[in-house]
PDB file of N, CA and C in Angstrom:
ATOM      1  N   MET A   1     -13.908 -13.538 -45.908  1.00  0.00           N
ATOM      2  CA  MET A   1     -13.674 -13.929 -47.233  1.00  0.00           C
ATOM      3  C   MET A   1     -15.171 -14.143 -47.986  1.00  0.00           C
ATOM      4  N   LYS A   2     -15.297 -13.576 -49.160  1.00  0.00           N
ATOM      5  CA  LYS A   2     -16.557 -13.795 -49.815  1.00  0.00           C
ATOM      6  C   LYS A   2     -16.672 -15.222 -50.370  1.00  0.00           C
ATOM      7  N   ALA A   3     -17.867 -15.695 -50.588  1.00  0.00           N
ATOM      8  CA  ALA A   3     -18.078 -16.891 -51.033  1.00  0.00           C
ATOM      9  C   ALA A   3     -17.524 -17.272 -52.397  1.00  0.00           C
ATOM     10  N   LYS A   4     -17.460 -16.365 -53.235  1.00  0.00           N
ATOM     11  CA  LYS A   4     -16.903 -16.659 -54.624  1.00  0.00           C
ATOM     12  C   LYS A   4     -15.390 -16.683 -54.382  1.00  0.00           C
ATOM     13  N   GLU A   5     -14.755 -15.891 -53.786  1.00  0.00           N
ATOM     14  CA  GLU A   5     -13.353 -16.091 -53.508  1.00  0.00           C
ATOM     15  C   GLU A   5     -13.045 -17.346 -52.817  1.00  0.00           C
ATOM     16  N   PHE A   6     -13.819 -17.744 -51.891  1.00  0.00           N
ATOM     17  CA  PHE A   6     -13.666 -18.980 -51.178  1.00  0.00           C
ATOM     18  C   PHE A   6     -13.766 -20.188 -52.082  1.00  0.00           C
ATOM     19  N   ARG A   7     -14.674 -20.193 -52.909  1.00  0.00           N
ATOM     20  CA  ARG A   7     -14.879 -21.193 -53.869  1.00  0.00           C
ATOM     21  C   ARG A   7     -13.871 -21.404 -54.853  1.00  0.00           C
ATOM     22  N   LYS A   8     -13.274 -20.245 -55.353  1.00  0.00           N
ATOM     23  CA  LYS A   8     -12.180 -20.156 -56.219  1.00  0.00           C
ATOM     24  C   LYS A   8     -10.795 -20.802 -55.596  1.00  0.00           C
ATOM     25  N   ASP A   9     -10.640 -20.496 -54.402  1.00  0.00           N
ATOM     26  CA  ASP A   9      -9.500 -21.118 -53.647  1.00  0.00           C
ATOM     27  C   ASP A   9      -9.783 -22.575 -53.452  1.00  0.00           C
ATOM     28  N   LEU A  10     -10.960 -23.109 -53.165  1.00  0.00           N
ATOM     29  CA  LEU A  10     -11.163 -24.495 -52.922  1.00  0.00           C
ATOM     30  C   LEU A  10     -10.947 -25.184 -54.040  1.00  0.00           C
ATOM     31  N   ARG A  11     -11.436 -24.712 -55.306  1.00  0.00           N
ATOM     32  CA  ARG A  11     -11.322 -25.438 -56.537  1.00  0.00           C
ATOM     33  C   ARG A  11      -9.926 -25.724 -56.967  1.00  0.00           C
ATOM     34  N   ALA A  12      -8.852 -24.870 -56.492  1.00  0.00           N
ATOM     35  CA  ALA A  12      -7.512 -25.021 -56.728  1.00  0.00           C
ATOM     36  C   ALA A  12      -6.837 -26.174 -55.840  1.00  0.00           C
ATOM     37  N   MET A  13      -7.463 -26.533 -54.874  1.00  0.00           N
ATOM     38  CA  MET A  13      -6.986 -27.636 -53.901  1.00  0.00           C
ATOM     39  C   MET A  13      -7.184 -28.920 -54.317  1.00  0.00           C
ATOM     40  N   SER A  14      -6.432 -29.857 -53.771  1.00  0.00           N
ATOM     41  CA  SER A  14      -6.739 -31.289 -53.978  1.00  0.00           C
ATOM     42  C   SER A  14      -7.739 -31.915 -53.125  1.00  0.00           C
ATOM     43  N   VAL A  15      -8.045 -33.164 -53.344  1.00  0.00           N
ATOM     44  CA  VAL A  15      -9.028 -33.676 -52.673  1.00  0.00           C
ATOM     45  C   VAL A  15      -8.612 -33.985 -51.236  1.00  0.00           C
ATOM     46  N   THR A  16      -7.603 -34.340 -50.930  1.00  0.00           N
ATOM     47  CA  THR A  16      -6.901 -34.556 -49.547  1.00  0.00           C
ATOM     48  C   THR A  16      -6.861 -33.244 -48.908  1.00  0.00           C
ATOM     49  N   GLU A  17      -6.456 -32.132 -49.447  1.00  0.00           N
ATOM     50  CA  GLU A  17      -6.344 -30.779 -48.852  1.00  0.00           C
ATOM     51  C   GLU A  17      -7.834 -30.291 -48.436  1.00  0.00           C
ATOM     52  N   LEU A  18      -8.868 -30.590 -49.404  1.00  0.00           N
ATOM     53  CA  LEU A  18     -10.211 -30.268 -49.204  1.00  0.00           C
ATOM     54  C   LEU A  18     -10.677 -30.939 -47.821  1.00  0.00           C
ATOM     55  N   GLU A  19     -10.316 -32.254 -47.793  1.00  0.00           N
ATOM     56  CA  GLU A  19     -10.758 -33.151 -46.665  1.00  0.00           C
ATOM     57  C   GLU A  19     -10.111 -32.524 -45.396  1.00  0.00           C
ATOM     58  N   ALA A  20      -8.855 -32.144 -45.298  1.00  0.00           N
ATOM     59  CA  ALA A  20      -8.305 -31.605 -44.259  1.00  0.00           C
ATOM     60  C   ALA A  20      -8.865 -30.376 -43.850  1.00  0.00           C
ATOM     61  N   LYS A  21      -9.249 -29.478 -44.832  1.00  0.00           N
ATOM     62  CA  LYS A  21      -9.932 -28.164 -44.551  1.00  0.00           C
ATOM     63  C   LYS A  21     -11.294 -28.418 -43.913  1.00  0.00           C
ATOM     64  N   ALA A  22     -12.052 -29.419 -44.482  1.00  0.00           N
ATOM     65  CA  ALA A  22     -13.331 -29.846 -43.995  1.00  0.00           C
ATOM     66  C   ALA A  22     -13.287 -30.138 -42.517  1.00  0.00           C
ATOM     67  N   ASP A  23     -12.355 -31.061 -42.218  1.00  0.00           N
ATOM     68  CA  ASP A  23     -12.013 -31.419 -40.827  1.00  0.00           C
ATOM     69  C   ASP A  23     -11.739 -30.410 -39.891  1.00  0.00           C
ATOM     70  N   GLU A  24     -10.973 -29.410 -40.338  1.00  0.00           N
ATOM     71  CA  GLU A  24     -10.646 -28.252 -39.501  1.00  0.00           C
ATOM     72  C   GLU A  24     -11.988 -27.430 -39.307  1.00  0.00           C
ATOM     73  N   LEU A  25     -12.771 -27.289 -40.255  1.00  0.00           N
ATOM     74  CA  LEU A  25     -14.065 -26.458 -40.263  1.00  0.00           C
ATOM     75  C   LEU A  25     -14.996 -27.190 -39.202  1.00  0.00           C
ATOM     76  N   LYS A  26     -15.008 -28.559 -39.302  1.00  0.00           N
ATOM     77  CA  LYS A  26     -15.786 -29.304 -38.278  1.00  0.00           C
ATOM     78  C   LYS A  26     -15.409 -29.081 -36.903  1.00  0.00           C
ATOM     79  N   LYS A  27     -14.097 -29.074 -36.730  1.00  0.00           N
ATOM     80  CA  LYS A  27     -13.610 -28.667 -35.365  1.00  0.00           C
ATOM     81  C   LYS A  27     -13.951 -27.341 -34.839  1.00  0.00           C
ATOM     82  N   ASP A  28     -13.947 -26.377 -35.783  1.00  0.00           N
ATOM     83  CA  ASP A  28     -14.426 -24.849 -35.584  1.00  0.00           C
ATOM     84  C   ASP A  28     -15.852 -24.983 -35.134  1.00  0.00           C
ATOM     85  N   LEU A  29     -16.534 -25.771 -35.978  1.00  0.00           N
ATOM     86  CA  LEU A  29     -18.065 -25.742 -35.749  1.00  0.00           C
ATOM     87  C   LEU A  29     -18.325 -26.233 -34.315  1.00  0.00           C
ATOM     88  N   PHE A  30     -17.624 -27.468 -34.011  1.00  0.00           N
ATOM     89  CA  PHE A  30     -17.860 -27.904 -32.605  1.00  0.00           C
ATOM     90  C   PHE A  30     -17.597 -26.948 -31.547  1.00  0.00           C
ATOM     91  N   PHE A  31     -16.585 -26.132 -31.657  1.00  0.00           N
ATOM     92  CA  PHE A  31     -16.110 -25.203 -30.717  1.00  0.00           C
ATOM     93  C   PHE A  31     -17.123 -23.958 -30.661  1.00  0.00           C
ATOM     94  N   LEU A  32     -17.645 -23.558 -31.802  1.00  0.00           N
ATOM     95  CA  LEU A  32     -18.679 -22.564 -31.962  1.00  0.00           C
ATOM     96  C   LEU A  32     -20.014 -23.076 -31.146  1.00  0.00           C
ATOM     97  N   ARG A  33     -20.363 -24.268 -31.376  1.00  0.00           N
ATOM     98  CA  ARG A  33     -21.566 -24.787 -30.718  1.00  0.00           C
ATOM     99  C   ARG A  33     -21.392 -24.853 -29.305  1.00  0.00           C
ATOM    100  N   MET A  34     -20.068 -25.101 -28.878  1.00  0.00           N
ATOM    101  CA  MET A  34     -19.882 -25.074 -27.359  1.00  0.00           C
ATOM    102  C   MET A  34     -19.979 -23.701 -26.771  1.00  0.00           C
ATOM    103  N   GLN A  35     -19.430 -22.770 -27.605  1.00  0.00           N
ATOM    104  CA  GLN A  35     -19.462 -21.409 -27.127  1.00  0.00           C
ATOM    105  C   GLN A  35     -21.044 -20.818 -27.169  1.00  0.00           C
ATOM    106  N   HIS A  36     -21.708 -21.329 -27.991  1.00  0.00           N
ATOM    107  CA  HIS A  36     -23.033 -20.934 -28.185  1.00  0.00           C
ATOM    108  C   HIS A  36     -23.915 -21.420 -26.949  1.00  0.00           C
ATOM    109  N   SER A  37     -23.594 -22.700 -26.571  1.00  0.00           N
ATOM    110  CA  SER A  37     -24.409 -23.286 -25.524  1.00  0.00           C
ATOM    111  C   SER A  37     -24.160 -22.666 -24.294  1.00  0.00           C
ATOM    112  N   ALA A  38     -22.778 -22.077 -24.024  1.00  0.00           N
ATOM    113  CA  ALA A  38     -22.399 -21.578 -22.720  1.00  0.00           C
ATOM    114  C   ALA A  38     -22.648 -19.999 -22.879  1.00  0.00           C
ATOM    115  N   ASN A  39     -23.291 -19.567 -23.847  1.00  0.00           N
ATOM    116  CA  ASN A  39     -23.772 -18.032 -24.016  1.00  0.00           C
ATOM    117  C   ASN A  39     -22.461 -17.348 -24.053  1.00  0.00           C
ATOM    118  N   GLN A  40     -21.472 -17.713 -24.812  1.00  0.00           N
ATOM    119  CA  GLN A  40     -20.229 -16.922 -24.921  1.00  0.00           C
ATOM    120  C   GLN A  40     -20.000 -16.570 -26.340  1.00  0.00           C
ATOM    121  N   LEU A  41     -20.892 -16.911 -27.234  1.00  0.00           N
ATOM    122  CA  LEU A  41     -20.765 -16.638 -28.682  1.00  0.00           C
ATOM    123  C   LEU A  41     -21.377 -15.274 -28.972  1.00  0.00           C
ATOM    124  N   ASP A  42     -20.595 -14.311 -29.432  1.00  0.00           N
ATOM    125  CA  ASP A  42     -20.960 -13.074 -29.798  1.00  0.00           C
ATOM    126  C   ASP A  42     -21.921 -12.967 -31.048  1.00  0.00           C
ATOM    127  N   ASN A  43     -21.798 -13.771 -32.005  1.00  0.00           N
ATOM    128  CA  ASN A  43     -22.268 -13.798 -33.402  1.00  0.00           C
ATOM    129  C   ASN A  43     -22.690 -15.227 -33.796  1.00  0.00           C
ATOM    130  N   PRO A  44     -23.991 -15.588 -33.435  1.00  0.00           N
ATOM    131  CA  PRO A  44     -24.313 -17.047 -33.794  1.00  0.00           C
ATOM    132  C   PRO A  44     -24.491 -17.264 -35.146  1.00  0.00           C
ATOM    133  N   ILE A  45     -24.349 -16.181 -36.102  1.00  0.00           N
ATOM    134  CA  ILE A  45     -24.502 -16.403 -37.421  1.00  0.00           C
ATOM    135  C   ILE A  45     -23.208 -17.140 -38.117  1.00  0.00           C
ATOM    136  N   LYS A  46     -22.166 -17.037 -37.219  1.00  0.00           N
ATOM    137  CA  LYS A  46     -20.826 -17.667 -37.622  1.00  0.00           C
ATOM    138  C   LYS A  46     -21.217 -19.231 -37.771  1.00  0.00           C
ATOM    139  N   ILE A  47     -21.978 -19.913 -37.004  1.00  0.00           N
ATOM    140  CA  ILE A  47     -22.229 -21.229 -37.073  1.00  0.00           C
ATOM    141  C   ILE A  47     -22.878 -21.579 -38.477  1.00  0.00           C
ATOM    142  N   ALA A  48     -23.870 -20.772 -38.904  1.00  0.00           N
ATOM    143  CA  ALA A  48     -24.369 -21.058 -40.192  1.00  0.00           C
ATOM    144  C   ALA A  48     -23.495 -20.902 -41.341  1.00  0.00           C
ATOM    145  N   ALA A  49     -22.506 -19.864 -41.225  1.00  0.00           N
ATOM    146  CA  ALA A  49     -21.451 -19.713 -42.153  1.00  0.00           C
ATOM    147  C   ALA A  49     -20.419 -20.861 -42.318  1.00  0.00           C
ATOM    148  N   VAL A  50     -20.129 -21.466 -41.141  1.00  0.00           N
ATOM    149  CA  VAL A  50     -19.139 -22.449 -41.159  1.00  0.00           C
ATOM    150  C   VAL A  50     -19.934 -23.703 -41.792  1.00  0.00           C
ATOM    151  N   LYS A  51     -21.274 -23.919 -41.391  1.00  0.00           N
ATOM    152  CA  LYS A  51     -21.910 -25.078 -42.119  1.00  0.00           C
ATOM    153  C   LYS A  51     -21.942 -24.906 -43.449  1.00  0.00           C
ATOM    154  N   LYS A  52     -22.208 -23.710 -44.085  1.00  0.00           N
ATOM    155  CA  LYS A  52     -22.193 -23.492 -45.470  1.00  0.00           C
ATOM    156  C   LYS A  52     -20.927 -23.879 -46.127  1.00  0.00           C
ATOM    157  N   ASN A  53     -19.903 -23.365 -45.380  1.00  0.00           N
ATOM    158  CA  ASN A  53     -18.465 -23.582 -46.023  1.00  0.00           C
ATOM    159  C   ASN A  53     -18.239 -25.088 -46.072  1.00  0.00           C
ATOM    160  N   ILE A  54     -18.577 -25.750 -44.991  1.00  0.00           N
ATOM    161  CA  ILE A  54     -18.437 -27.298 -45.024  1.00  0.00           C
ATOM    162  C   ILE A  54     -19.141 -27.930 -46.244  1.00  0.00           C
ATOM    163  N   ALA A  55     -20.384 -27.564 -46.572  1.00  0.00           N
ATOM    164  CA  ALA A  55     -21.219 -27.964 -47.586  1.00  0.00           C
ATOM    165  C   ALA A  55     -20.464 -27.543 -48.866  1.00  0.00           C
ATOM    166  N   ARG A  56     -20.003 -26.363 -48.954  1.00  0.00           N
ATOM    167  CA  ARG A  56     -19.264 -26.045 -50.241  1.00  0.00           C
ATOM    168  C   ARG A  56     -18.082 -26.991 -50.474  1.00  0.00           C
ATOM    169  N   ILE A  57     -17.359 -27.319 -49.406  1.00  0.00           N
ATOM    170  CA  ILE A  57     -16.199 -28.159 -49.631  1.00  0.00           C
ATOM    171  C   ILE A  57     -16.700 -29.587 -50.011  1.00  0.00           C
ATOM    172  N   LYS A  58     -17.694 -30.091 -49.422  1.00  0.00           N
ATOM    173  CA  LYS A  58     -18.275 -31.414 -49.714  1.00  0.00           C
ATOM    174  C   LYS A  58     -18.670 -31.507 -51.277  1.00  0.00           C
ATOM    175  N   THR A  59     -19.280 -30.325 -51.598  1.00  0.00           N
ATOM    176  CA  THR A  59     -19.755 -30.317 -52.982  1.00  0.00           C
ATOM    177  C   THR A  59     -18.703 -30.409 -53.959  1.00  0.00           C
ATOM    178  N   ILE A  60     -17.541 -29.573 -53.749  1.00  0.00           N
ATOM    179  CA  ILE A  60     -16.369 -29.688 -54.623  1.00  0.00           C
ATOM    180  C   ILE A  60     -15.804 -30.992 -54.514  1.00  0.00           C
ATOM    181  N   ILE A  61     -15.668 -31.558 -53.457  1.00  0.00           N
ATOM    182  CA  ILE A  61     -14.999 -32.975 -53.408  1.00  0.00           C
ATOM    183  C   ILE A  61     -15.973 -33.994 -54.301  1.00  0.00           C
ATOM    184  N   ARG A  62     -17.181 -33.835 -53.986  1.00  0.00           N
ATOM    185  CA  ARG A  62     -18.178 -34.708 -54.812  1.00  0.00           C
ATOM    186  C   ARG A  62     -18.006 -34.504 -56.392  1.00  0.00           C
ATOM    187  N   GLU A  63     -17.779 -33.339 -56.810  1.00  0.00           N
ATOM    188  CA  GLU A  63     -17.637 -32.951 -58.124  1.00  0.00           C
ATOM    189  C   GLU A  63     -16.298 -33.446 -58.761  1.00  0.00           C
ATOM    190  N   LYS A  64     -15.273 -33.326 -57.913  1.00  0.00           N
ATOM    191  CA  LYS A  64     -13.926 -33.894 -58.366  1.00  0.00           C
ATOM    192  C   LYS A  64     -13.890 -35.408 -58.459  1.00  0.00           C
ATOM    193  N   GLU A  65     -14.751 -36.107 -57.549  1.00  0.00           N
ATOM    194  CA  GLU A  65     -14.789 -37.566 -57.640  1.00  0.00           C
ATOM    195  C   GLU A  65     -15.583 -38.155 -58.808  1.00  0.00           C
ATOM    196  N   THR A  66     -16.634 -37.325 -59.095  1.00  0.00           N
ATOM    197  CA  THR A  66     -17.417 -37.880 -60.322  1.00  0.00           C
ATOM    198  C   THR A  66     -16.783 -37.321 -61.662  1.00  0.00           C
ATOM    199  N   ALA A  67     -15.782 -36.461 -61.623  1.00  0.00           N
ATOM    200  CA  ALA A  67     -15.010 -35.996 -62.794  1.00  0.00           C
ATOM    201  C   ALA A  67     -14.208 -36.929 -63.312  1.00  0.00           C
ATOM    202  N   VAL A  68     -13.625 -37.857 -62.367  1.00  0.00           N
ATOM    203  CA  VAL A  68     -12.525 -38.779 -62.722  1.00  0.00           C
ATOM    204  C   VAL A  68     -13.195 -39.960 -63.454  1.00  0.00           C
TER     205      VAL A  68
END
């Protein structure tokens, strides 16, 4: 999914949904790091992509909190 589409979908979510999505991505990041340390990860760029998606979610959560 492209970043623009991802952000559009995220902005439609509530804060609780965003926090749940961030928790899910953090778990994915943990497993990607484990695979990377065991040399089983085919594409290490996935780690950076997941980190960026977590940052995007945190940014949108912060924007929604300050807008209230």
